[in-house]
Protein backbone atom coordinates (compact mmCIF):
# COMPACT_ATOMS: atom_id res chain seq x y z
CA MET A 1 97.57 91.69 108.06
CA LEU A 2 94.45 89.21 107.71
CA ARG A 3 93.86 88.07 104.36
CA HIS A 4 90.69 87.09 103.80
CA ARG A 5 90.71 83.23 102.57
CA LEU A 6 88.60 82.53 99.40
CA ASP A 7 87.25 78.61 98.94
CA ARG A 8 85.22 77.98 95.95
CA ARG A 9 82.07 79.61 97.18
CA ASP A 10 83.88 83.01 96.58
CA TYR A 11 84.95 82.37 92.95
CA PRO A 12 82.27 83.00 89.97
CA ASP A 13 80.72 79.84 87.97
CA THR A 14 82.80 79.42 84.90
CA THR A 15 79.44 79.92 82.33
CA LYS A 16 77.96 83.12 83.86
CA LEU A 17 82.20 84.36 83.18
CA GLU A 18 81.46 83.11 79.70
CA LEU A 19 78.40 84.95 80.05
CA ALA A 20 79.90 88.37 81.00
CA ARG A 21 82.68 87.46 78.35
CA ARG A 22 80.31 87.53 75.21
CA LEU A 23 77.83 89.99 76.34
CA ARG A 24 80.89 92.77 76.95
CA ARG A 25 82.10 91.50 73.35
CA ASP A 26 78.46 92.61 71.89
CA PRO A 27 77.12 95.23 73.94
CA MET A 28 73.87 96.95 73.43
CA PRO A 29 73.79 100.13 72.24
CA ALA A 30 72.68 101.94 75.12
CA GLU A 31 76.11 99.80 77.34
CA ARG A 32 78.28 101.34 74.04
CA SER A 33 77.19 104.53 74.84
CA ALA A 34 77.82 104.02 78.62
CA TRP A 35 81.40 102.64 78.47
CA SER A 36 82.55 104.95 76.38
CA LEU A 37 81.81 107.73 78.96
CA LEU A 38 82.48 105.15 81.72
CA ARG A 39 85.90 103.52 80.88
CA ASN A 40 89.68 105.15 81.22
CA HIS A 41 88.42 106.78 84.62
CA LYS A 42 86.66 109.54 82.85
CA ILE A 43 83.66 110.18 85.43
CA LEU A 44 85.44 112.09 88.60
CA GLY A 45 88.06 109.70 88.09
CA LEU A 46 86.34 106.53 88.93
CA LYS A 47 87.05 103.11 87.26
CA PHE A 48 84.19 100.81 86.42
CA ARG A 49 84.50 97.07 85.39
CA ARG A 50 81.31 96.27 82.71
CA GLN A 51 79.08 93.33 82.56
CA HIS A 52 81.04 92.59 86.24
CA VAL A 53 80.08 88.77 87.61
CA LEU A 54 79.21 90.11 91.30
CA CYS A 55 77.59 87.62 93.91
CA GLY A 56 75.74 85.42 91.40
CA PHE A 57 74.92 87.98 89.18
CA ILE A 58 76.47 89.73 85.76
CA VAL A 59 76.01 93.38 86.99
CA ASP A 60 76.26 96.40 83.56
CA PHE A 61 79.06 98.30 85.47
CA TYR A 62 80.92 98.36 88.80
CA CYS A 63 82.87 100.41 90.70
CA PRO A 64 84.86 98.84 93.30
CA ARG A 65 85.68 101.77 95.42
CA LEU A 66 82.50 102.97 96.18
CA ARG A 67 80.91 99.24 95.84
CA LEU A 68 78.37 100.69 93.58
CA VAL A 69 76.19 98.76 90.86
CA LEU A 70 75.33 100.62 88.20
CA GLU A 71 72.55 99.04 86.08
CA LEU A 72 70.97 100.16 82.53
CA ASP A 73 67.50 100.50 81.83
CA GLY A 74 65.94 100.45 79.02
CA ALA A 75 62.26 100.07 78.38
CA PRO A 76 61.90 96.39 79.11
CA HIS A 77 62.53 97.30 82.34
CA ASP A 78 59.05 98.85 82.01
CA HIS A 79 57.03 95.91 82.91
CA ALA A 80 55.75 94.62 86.18
CA ALA A 81 56.93 91.73 86.22
CA ARG A 82 60.69 92.60 85.45
CA ALA A 83 60.14 95.24 87.98
CA GLY A 84 59.41 93.12 90.30
CA TYR A 85 62.23 90.86 89.70
CA ASP A 86 64.51 94.45 89.27
CA ALA A 87 63.53 95.84 92.47
CA ALA A 88 64.75 91.93 93.75
CA ARG A 89 68.07 92.12 92.73
CA THR A 90 67.99 96.08 94.01
CA ALA A 91 67.68 94.23 97.36
CA HIS A 92 69.97 91.11 97.16
CA PHE A 93 72.87 93.46 96.24
CA GLU A 94 71.91 96.34 99.02
CA ALA A 95 71.75 93.56 101.82
CA ARG A 96 75.26 92.11 101.41
CA GLY A 97 76.48 96.31 101.41
CA TYR A 98 76.30 97.28 98.28
CA ARG A 99 75.03 100.33 96.40
CA VAL A 100 73.24 100.57 93.33
CA LEU A 101 71.79 102.87 90.95
CA ARG A 102 69.39 102.30 88.25
CA VAL A 103 69.82 105.00 84.76
CA ARG A 104 67.12 105.01 82.26
CA ASN A 105 68.87 104.66 79.08
CA ARG A 106 67.77 107.72 77.42
CA GLU A 107 68.65 109.97 80.74
CA LEU A 108 72.14 108.66 79.81
CA SER A 109 75.33 111.00 79.50
CA ARG A 110 78.46 112.21 81.05
CA LYS A 111 76.42 115.39 83.06
CA ARG A 112 73.76 112.40 84.69
CA LEU A 113 75.86 110.57 85.50
CA GLU A 114 78.26 112.44 87.17
CA GLN A 115 75.00 114.68 89.14
CA LEU A 116 74.60 111.17 90.50
CA LEU A 117 78.02 109.63 91.30
CA ARG A 118 79.14 113.34 92.95
CA PRO A 119 77.67 112.74 96.19
CA LEU A 120 78.53 108.83 95.98
CA LEU A 121 82.09 110.07 96.08
CA HIS A 122 81.32 111.74 99.92
CA ARG A 123 79.35 108.88 101.90
CA PRO A 124 80.52 105.98 102.98
CA SER A 125 79.04 103.21 101.82
CA SER A 126 76.80 100.91 103.36
CA PRO A 127 78.43 98.84 106.17
CA LEU A 128 78.07 94.73 105.58
CA SER A 129 76.38 93.16 108.22
CA ARG A 130 78.02 91.85 111.34
CA GLN A 131 75.61 88.84 111.88
CA GLY A 132 77.76 86.26 114.74
CA GLU A 133 79.84 89.27 116.13
CA GLY A 134 77.44 89.03 119.12
CA ASP A 135 77.25 91.85 122.16
CA ARG A 136 80.59 92.76 123.17
CA GLY A 137 79.36 95.29 125.51
């Protein structure tokens, strides 16, 4: 069995981990509502982590099974500068084989989350980049 050896670059920095802990202790109202829906496998039996450090960023929610980043977007995400940042961040995750799902705070409900997540259960996640493998034909 192959095992991935972890080196220092694979671990999130301690500053981000501490910030993620603080965000978990004092969530925004929409994050608190979402967590009450997502925790304990309540939506389609999926496990989610909240305020999870991933690829150098803190994401609102992460589902390892689907390699899915779930981000909640409130009013600040309507500004052009923030929209550009969000798009770049989404591209960063997608380039690394993660899916990104953005949900407006006002659309947050059990029914809406199930509608968005159900199709992903039956779709394979994005393949990771196979850089450096070369042509084996």
